Amino acid sequence: MSSDIDAKIRKLMANMPEAFNPDKAAGVDATIVYNLTGEGGSVWTSRIADGQCTVEEGETVENPTLKITMDAQDYVDMMAGRLDGMQAFMTGKIKVEGDIMLASRLMTFFS
């Protein structure tokens, strides 16, 4: 099962740059670390700046603008629309460190 979750996460992360909408993220300069825990978990770093989004595996910065920690399966469910991000945050399924305003806008940057 974990390899299935891992494969889904890898696909989601690989697709992030092409799903990125630079118009929605105008003026944003941020580094986001996704700490995906539990079965199939992994860590990823995304950089949004100058109208571009890049993603790489691992925590590649020491002081990210935003760090999101959540269960890997919950991340997959959220990206598939089966889990509401705000509800997940309010119930403690998502933990956020750093720029909480960026966290609230993050999903709007992607189609």
C-alpha atoms as a PDB file:
ATOM      1  CA  MET A   1       0.000   0.000   0.000  1.00  0.00           C
ATOM      2  CA  SER A   2       2.759   2.477   0.876  1.00  0.00           C
ATOM      3  CA  SER A   3       4.271   2.193  -2.605  1.00  0.00           C
ATOM      4  CA  ASP A   4       0.849   3.130  -4.022  1.00  0.00           C
ATOM      5  CA  ILE A   5       0.694   6.258  -1.837  1.00  0.00           C
ATOM      6  CA  ASP A   6       4.338   7.044  -2.644  1.00  0.00           C
ATOM      7  CA  ALA A   7       3.642   6.743  -6.386  1.00  0.00           C
ATOM      8  CA  LYS A   8       0.616   9.053  -6.104  1.00  0.00           C
ATOM      9  CA  ILE A   9       2.631  11.638  -4.162  1.00  0.00           C
ATOM     10  CA  ARG A  10       5.480  11.499  -6.690  1.00  0.00           C
ATOM     11  CA  LYS A  11       2.985  12.084  -9.510  1.00  0.00           C
ATOM     12  CA  LEU A  12       1.300  14.973  -7.664  1.00  0.00           C
ATOM     13  CA  MET A  13       4.651  16.630  -6.961  1.00  0.00           C
ATOM     14  CA  ALA A  14       5.854  16.105 -10.547  1.00  0.00           C
ATOM     15  CA  ASN A  15       2.653  17.737 -11.842  1.00  0.00           C
ATOM     16  CA  MET A  16       2.800  20.715  -9.468  1.00  0.00           C
ATOM     17  CA  PRO A  17       4.858  23.013 -11.775  1.00  0.00           C
ATOM     18  CA  GLU A  18       2.501  22.520 -14.740  1.00  0.00           C
ATOM     19  CA  ALA A  19      -0.606  22.983 -12.556  1.00  0.00           C
ATOM     20  CA  PHE A  20       0.872  26.253 -11.235  1.00  0.00           C
ATOM     21  CA  ASN A  21      -0.976  29.440 -12.244  1.00  0.00           C
ATOM     22  CA  PRO A  22       1.535  32.326 -12.087  1.00  0.00           C
ATOM     23  CA  ASP A  23      -1.203  34.974 -12.353  1.00  0.00           C
ATOM     24  CA  LYS A  24      -2.727  33.762  -9.069  1.00  0.00           C
ATOM     25  CA  ALA A  25       0.669  33.908  -7.322  1.00  0.00           C
ATOM     26  CA  ALA A  26       1.822  37.302  -8.595  1.00  0.00           C
ATOM     27  CA  GLY A  27       4.392  38.805  -6.223  1.00  0.00           C
ATOM     28  CA  VAL A  28       4.789  35.619  -4.176  1.00  0.00           C
ATOM     29  CA  ASP A  29       8.346  34.655  -3.250  1.00  0.00           C
ATOM     30  CA  ALA A  30       8.182  31.625  -0.992  1.00  0.00           C
ATOM     31  CA  THR A  31       9.677  28.268  -0.160  1.00  0.00           C
ATOM     32  CA  ILE A  32       7.291  25.583   1.067  1.00  0.00           C
ATOM     33  CA  VAL A  33       8.300  22.307   2.701  1.00  0.00           C
ATOM     34  CA  TYR A  34       5.767  19.470   2.585  1.00  0.00           C
ATOM     35  CA  ASN A  35       6.475  16.996   5.388  1.00  0.00           C
ATOM     36  CA  LEU A  36       4.240  14.052   4.507  1.00  0.00           C
ATOM     37  CA  THR A  37       4.166  11.520   7.312  1.00  0.00           C
ATOM     38  CA  GLY A  38       2.955   7.976   7.855  1.00  0.00           C
ATOM     39  CA  GLU A  39       2.735   5.190   5.317  1.00  0.00           C
ATOM     40  CA  GLY A  40       4.230   6.283   1.987  1.00  0.00           C
ATOM     41  CA  GLY A  41       5.448   9.552   3.494  1.00  0.00           C
ATOM     42  CA  SER A  42       8.243  11.735   2.161  1.00  0.00           C
ATOM     43  CA  VAL A  43       9.513  15.311   2.295  1.00  0.00           C
ATOM     44  CA  TRP A  44       9.393  17.766  -0.614  1.00  0.00           C
ATOM     45  CA  THR A  45      10.416  21.392  -1.120  1.00  0.00           C
ATOM     46  CA  SER A  46       8.591  23.726  -3.481  1.00  0.00           C
ATOM     47  CA  ARG A  47       9.797  27.170  -4.517  1.00  0.00           C
ATOM     48  CA  ILE A  48       7.411  29.790  -5.875  1.00  0.00           C
ATOM     49  CA  ALA A  49       9.107  32.902  -7.244  1.00  0.00           C
ATOM     50  CA  ASP A  50       9.241  35.029 -10.384  1.00  0.00           C
ATOM     51  CA  GLY A  51       6.124  33.403 -11.821  1.00  0.00           C
ATOM     52  CA  GLN A  52       7.535  29.889 -11.583  1.00  0.00           C
ATOM     53  CA  CYS A  53       7.090  26.846  -9.368  1.00  0.00           C
ATOM     54  CA  THR A  54       9.788  24.231  -8.848  1.00  0.00           C
ATOM     55  CA  VAL A  55       9.662  21.090  -6.725  1.00  0.00           C
ATOM     56  CA  GLU A  56      12.382  18.779  -5.468  1.00  0.00           C
ATOM     57  CA  GLU A  57      12.457  15.840  -3.117  1.00  0.00           C
ATOM     58  CA  GLY A  58      13.876  16.433   0.358  1.00  0.00           C
ATOM     59  CA  GLU A  59      13.995  19.403   2.694  1.00  0.00           C
ATOM     60  CA  THR A  60      16.433  21.577   0.785  1.00  0.00           C
ATOM     61  CA  VAL A  61      16.190  24.781   2.851  1.00  0.00           C
ATOM     62  CA  GLU A  62      16.723  25.505   6.537  1.00  0.00           C
ATOM     63  CA  ASN A  63      14.127  28.232   7.041  1.00  0.00           C
ATOM     64  CA  PRO A  64      11.182  27.763   4.681  1.00  0.00           C
ATOM     65  CA  THR A  65       8.496  30.422   4.389  1.00  0.00           C
ATOM     66  CA  LEU A  66       5.966  27.704   5.172  1.00  0.00           C
ATOM     67  CA  LYS A  67       6.180  24.137   6.449  1.00  0.00           C
ATOM     68  CA  ILE A  68       3.158  21.880   6.081  1.00  0.00           C
ATOM     69  CA  THR A  69       3.058  18.610   8.012  1.00  0.00           C
ATOM     70  CA  MET A  70       0.329  16.086   7.328  1.00  0.00           C
ATOM     71  CA  ASP A  71      -0.299  12.411   6.721  1.00  0.00           C
ATOM     72  CA  ALA A  72       0.648  11.286   3.205  1.00  0.00           C
ATOM     73  CA  GLN A  73      -2.768   9.707   2.549  1.00  0.00           C
ATOM     74  CA  ASP A  74      -4.509  12.898   3.731  1.00  0.00           C
ATOM     75  CA  TYR A  75      -2.388  14.885   1.245  1.00  0.00           C
ATOM     76  CA  VAL A  76      -3.426  12.559  -1.591  1.00  0.00           C
ATOM     77  CA  ASP A  77      -7.077  12.846  -0.499  1.00  0.00           C
ATOM     78  CA  MET A  78      -6.873  16.648  -0.267  1.00  0.00           C
ATOM     79  CA  MET A  79      -5.359  16.961  -3.730  1.00  0.00           C
ATOM     80  CA  ALA A  80      -8.084  14.668  -5.121  1.00  0.00           C
ATOM     81  CA  GLY A  81     -10.800  16.832  -3.547  1.00  0.00           C
ATOM     82  CA  ARG A  82     -11.856  14.183  -1.027  1.00  0.00           C
ATOM     83  CA  LEU A  83     -10.559  16.188   1.960  1.00  0.00           C
ATOM     84  CA  ASP A  84     -11.210  19.902   2.507  1.00  0.00           C
ATOM     85  CA  GLY A  85      -7.926  21.649   3.339  1.00  0.00           C
ATOM     86  CA  MET A  86      -9.433  24.221   5.705  1.00  0.00           C
ATOM     87  CA  GLN A  87     -11.409  21.568   7.567  1.00  0.00           C
ATOM     88  CA  ALA A  88      -8.280  19.397   7.797  1.00  0.00           C
ATOM     89  CA  PHE A  89      -6.373  22.358   9.263  1.00  0.00           C
ATOM     90  CA  MET A  90      -9.125  23.149  11.771  1.00  0.00           C
ATOM     91  CA  THR A  91      -9.261  19.518  12.950  1.00  0.00           C
ATOM     92  CA  GLY A  92      -5.481  19.223  13.317  1.00  0.00           C
ATOM     93  CA  LYS A  93      -4.875  16.949  10.321  1.00  0.00           C
ATOM     94  CA  ILE A  94      -2.655  19.649   8.824  1.00  0.00           C
ATOM     95  CA  LYS A  95      -0.026  21.427  10.902  1.00  0.00           C
ATOM     96  CA  VAL A  96       1.390  24.679   9.571  1.00  0.00           C
ATOM     97  CA  GLU A  97       4.570  26.470  10.620  1.00  0.00           C
ATOM     98  CA  GLY A  98       5.398  29.885   9.198  1.00  0.00           C
ATOM     99  CA  ASP A  99       3.290  32.115   6.953  1.00  0.00           C
ATOM    100  CA  ILE A 100      -0.293  31.076   7.717  1.00  0.00           C
ATOM    101  CA  MET A 101      -1.691  33.570   5.197  1.00  0.00           C
ATOM    102  CA  LEU A 102       0.348  31.898   2.464  1.00  0.00           C
ATOM    103  CA  ALA A 103      -1.011  28.537   3.611  1.00  0.00           C
ATOM    104  CA  SER A 104      -4.583  29.801   3.252  1.00  0.00           C
ATOM    105  CA  ARG A 105      -3.903  30.972  -0.336  1.00  0.00           C
ATOM    106  CA  LEU A 106      -1.700  28.109  -1.515  1.00  0.00           C
ATOM    107  CA  MET A 107      -4.374  25.950  -3.164  1.00  0.00           C
ATOM    108  CA  THR A 108      -5.542  28.921  -5.275  1.00  0.00           C
ATOM    109  CA  PHE A 109      -2.136  28.993  -7.018  1.00  0.00           C
ATOM    110  CA  PHE A 110      -2.830  25.666  -8.753  1.00  0.00           C
ATOM    111  CA  SER A 111      -5.477  24.439 -11.173  1.00  0.00           C
END
